[in-house]
Every structure is written in C-alpha cells, then in structure tokens.
Amino acid sequence: MSLAVEILISALLIIGGSFGLIGSFGLLKLRDPMQRLHAPTKATTVGVGASLIAAAATMVWQTGTASWQGVMVAA
C-alpha cells in the first residue's frame, strides 16, 4: 500500500476508536437517562461509520474492486 492510503486508513481507525471512547465517557458522566443514551449512540454511530469506511478503503485498495461482503456489512 502507498503511504498516503495507509495514513488515511489509520486516521479513520483512530477516529472510530476515539469516538467510541468519547461515547463511553458520555455514558459515565451524564446524569439524565436520556442524555446517557444519547451520547454513546451518536458517538458510536460516527465511530462505526469511520471504521466501515476504513475497511472498505482497505478492501478496494487491496483488490481493486468493492466486494458484496463489504456492502452487506455497511447495510
């Protein structure tokens, strides 16, 4: 892989993990039950999205085409 693609994929994975961590802090820190549900839901949605984009970018870069497995996981 080229260095630029590896940096992009690494950045997406770090962003995904960071948002998951931020969501868990929100779950612990907020007091109201609705706020406690809202923080991890929003954060993990962005985190999982970034991880899926990183996985799709890795697949496309390695094989040259997108696979149906990646599309089904994203759906």
C-alpha atoms as a PDB file:
ATOM      1  CA  MET A   1       0.000   0.000   0.000  1.00  0.00           C
ATOM      2  CA  SER A   2       1.115   3.517  -0.545  1.00  0.00           C
ATOM      3  CA  LEU A   3       1.903   5.676   2.434  1.00  0.00           C
ATOM      4  CA  ALA A   4      -0.995   8.078   1.799  1.00  0.00           C
ATOM      5  CA  VAL A   5      -3.567   5.261   1.796  1.00  0.00           C
ATOM      6  CA  GLU A   6      -2.105   3.747   4.954  1.00  0.00           C
ATOM      7  CA  ILE A   7      -2.246   7.128   6.695  1.00  0.00           C
ATOM      8  CA  LEU A   8      -5.869   7.626   5.591  1.00  0.00           C
ATOM      9  CA  ILE A   9      -6.937   4.186   6.814  1.00  0.00           C
ATOM     10  CA  SER A  10      -5.045   4.610  10.089  1.00  0.00           C
ATOM     11  CA  ALA A  11      -6.631   8.017  10.659  1.00  0.00           C
ATOM     12  CA  LEU A  12     -10.115   6.605  10.057  1.00  0.00           C
ATOM     13  CA  LEU A  13      -9.491   3.775  12.529  1.00  0.00           C
ATOM     14  CA  ILE A  14      -8.162   6.187  15.150  1.00  0.00           C
ATOM     15  CA  ILE A  15     -11.176   8.459  14.633  1.00  0.00           C
ATOM     16  CA  GLY A  16     -13.509   5.477  15.013  1.00  0.00           C
ATOM     17  CA  GLY A  17     -11.852   4.350  18.233  1.00  0.00           C
ATOM     18  CA  SER A  18     -11.778   7.880  19.615  1.00  0.00           C
ATOM     19  CA  PHE A  19     -15.484   8.382  19.066  1.00  0.00           C
ATOM     20  CA  GLY A  20     -16.196   5.073  20.793  1.00  0.00           C
ATOM     21  CA  LEU A  21     -14.135   6.197  23.771  1.00  0.00           C
ATOM     22  CA  ILE A  22     -15.861   9.589  23.859  1.00  0.00           C
ATOM     23  CA  GLY A  23     -19.250   7.862  23.825  1.00  0.00           C
ATOM     24  CA  SER A  24     -18.297   5.692  26.786  1.00  0.00           C
ATOM     25  CA  PHE A  25     -17.210   8.773  28.747  1.00  0.00           C
ATOM     26  CA  GLY A  26     -20.570  10.368  27.959  1.00  0.00           C
ATOM     27  CA  LEU A  27     -22.332   7.277  29.266  1.00  0.00           C
ATOM     28  CA  LEU A  28     -20.468   7.533  32.554  1.00  0.00           C
ATOM     29  CA  LYS A  29     -20.548  11.309  33.064  1.00  0.00           C
ATOM     30  CA  LEU A  30     -24.066  12.383  32.121  1.00  0.00           C
ATOM     31  CA  ARG A  31     -26.794  12.239  34.756  1.00  0.00           C
ATOM     32  CA  ASP A  32     -30.134  12.133  32.969  1.00  0.00           C
ATOM     33  CA  PRO A  33     -31.068   8.738  31.446  1.00  0.00           C
ATOM     34  CA  MET A  34     -31.952  10.260  28.073  1.00  0.00           C
ATOM     35  CA  GLN A  35     -28.622  12.081  27.923  1.00  0.00           C
ATOM     36  CA  ARG A  36     -26.859   8.866  28.896  1.00  0.00           C
ATOM     37  CA  LEU A  37     -28.446   7.127  25.913  1.00  0.00           C
ATOM     38  CA  HIS A  38     -27.848   9.996  23.501  1.00  0.00           C
ATOM     39  CA  ALA A  39     -24.083  10.391  23.963  1.00  0.00           C
ATOM     40  CA  PRO A  40     -22.971   6.826  23.192  1.00  0.00           C
ATOM     41  CA  THR A  41     -25.475   6.437  20.364  1.00  0.00           C
ATOM     42  CA  LYS A  42     -24.253   9.474  18.452  1.00  0.00           C
ATOM     43  CA  ALA A  43     -20.594   8.767  19.107  1.00  0.00           C
ATOM     44  CA  THR A  44     -20.673   5.090  18.198  1.00  0.00           C
ATOM     45  CA  THR A  45     -22.597   5.812  15.001  1.00  0.00           C
ATOM     46  CA  VAL A  46     -19.779   8.050  13.802  1.00  0.00           C
ATOM     47  CA  GLY A  47     -17.149   5.639  15.136  1.00  0.00           C
ATOM     48  CA  VAL A  48     -18.580   2.588  13.405  1.00  0.00           C
ATOM     49  CA  GLY A  49     -19.061   4.602  10.222  1.00  0.00           C
ATOM     50  CA  ALA A  50     -15.396   5.613  10.202  1.00  0.00           C
ATOM     51  CA  SER A  51     -14.343   2.011  10.817  1.00  0.00           C
ATOM     52  CA  LEU A  52     -16.544   0.763   7.962  1.00  0.00           C
ATOM     53  CA  ILE A  53     -15.100   3.357   5.606  1.00  0.00           C
ATOM     54  CA  ALA A  54     -11.600   2.260   6.624  1.00  0.00           C
ATOM     55  CA  ALA A  55     -12.489  -1.389   5.985  1.00  0.00           C
ATOM     56  CA  ALA A  56     -13.997  -0.555   2.594  1.00  0.00           C
ATOM     57  CA  ALA A  57     -10.967   1.529   1.629  1.00  0.00           C
ATOM     58  CA  THR A  58      -8.668  -1.331   2.591  1.00  0.00           C
ATOM     59  CA  MET A  59     -10.657  -3.810   0.500  1.00  0.00           C
ATOM     60  CA  VAL A  60     -10.771  -1.527  -2.524  1.00  0.00           C
ATOM     61  CA  TRP A  61      -7.070  -0.764  -2.283  1.00  0.00           C
ATOM     62  CA  GLN A  62      -6.036  -4.418  -1.935  1.00  0.00           C
ATOM     63  CA  THR A  63      -8.332  -5.990  -4.535  1.00  0.00           C
ATOM     64  CA  GLY A  64      -9.139  -3.059  -6.794  1.00  0.00           C
ATOM     65  CA  THR A  65     -12.898  -3.629  -6.525  1.00  0.00           C
ATOM     66  CA  ALA A  66     -15.540  -3.354  -3.843  1.00  0.00           C
ATOM     67  CA  SER A  67     -16.940  -6.643  -2.566  1.00  0.00           C
ATOM     68  CA  TRP A  68     -20.515  -7.612  -1.767  1.00  0.00           C
ATOM     69  CA  GLN A  69     -19.448  -8.602   1.734  1.00  0.00           C
ATOM     70  CA  GLY A  70     -18.394  -5.045   2.488  1.00  0.00           C
ATOM     71  CA  VAL A  71     -21.611  -3.651   1.089  1.00  0.00           C
ATOM     72  CA  MET A  72     -23.703  -6.059   3.174  1.00  0.00           C
ATOM     73  CA  VAL A  73     -21.817  -5.196   6.368  1.00  0.00           C
ATOM     74  CA  ALA A  74     -22.319  -1.487   5.721  1.00  0.00           C
ATOM     75  CA  ALA A  75     -26.043  -2.004   5.136  1.00  0.00           C
END
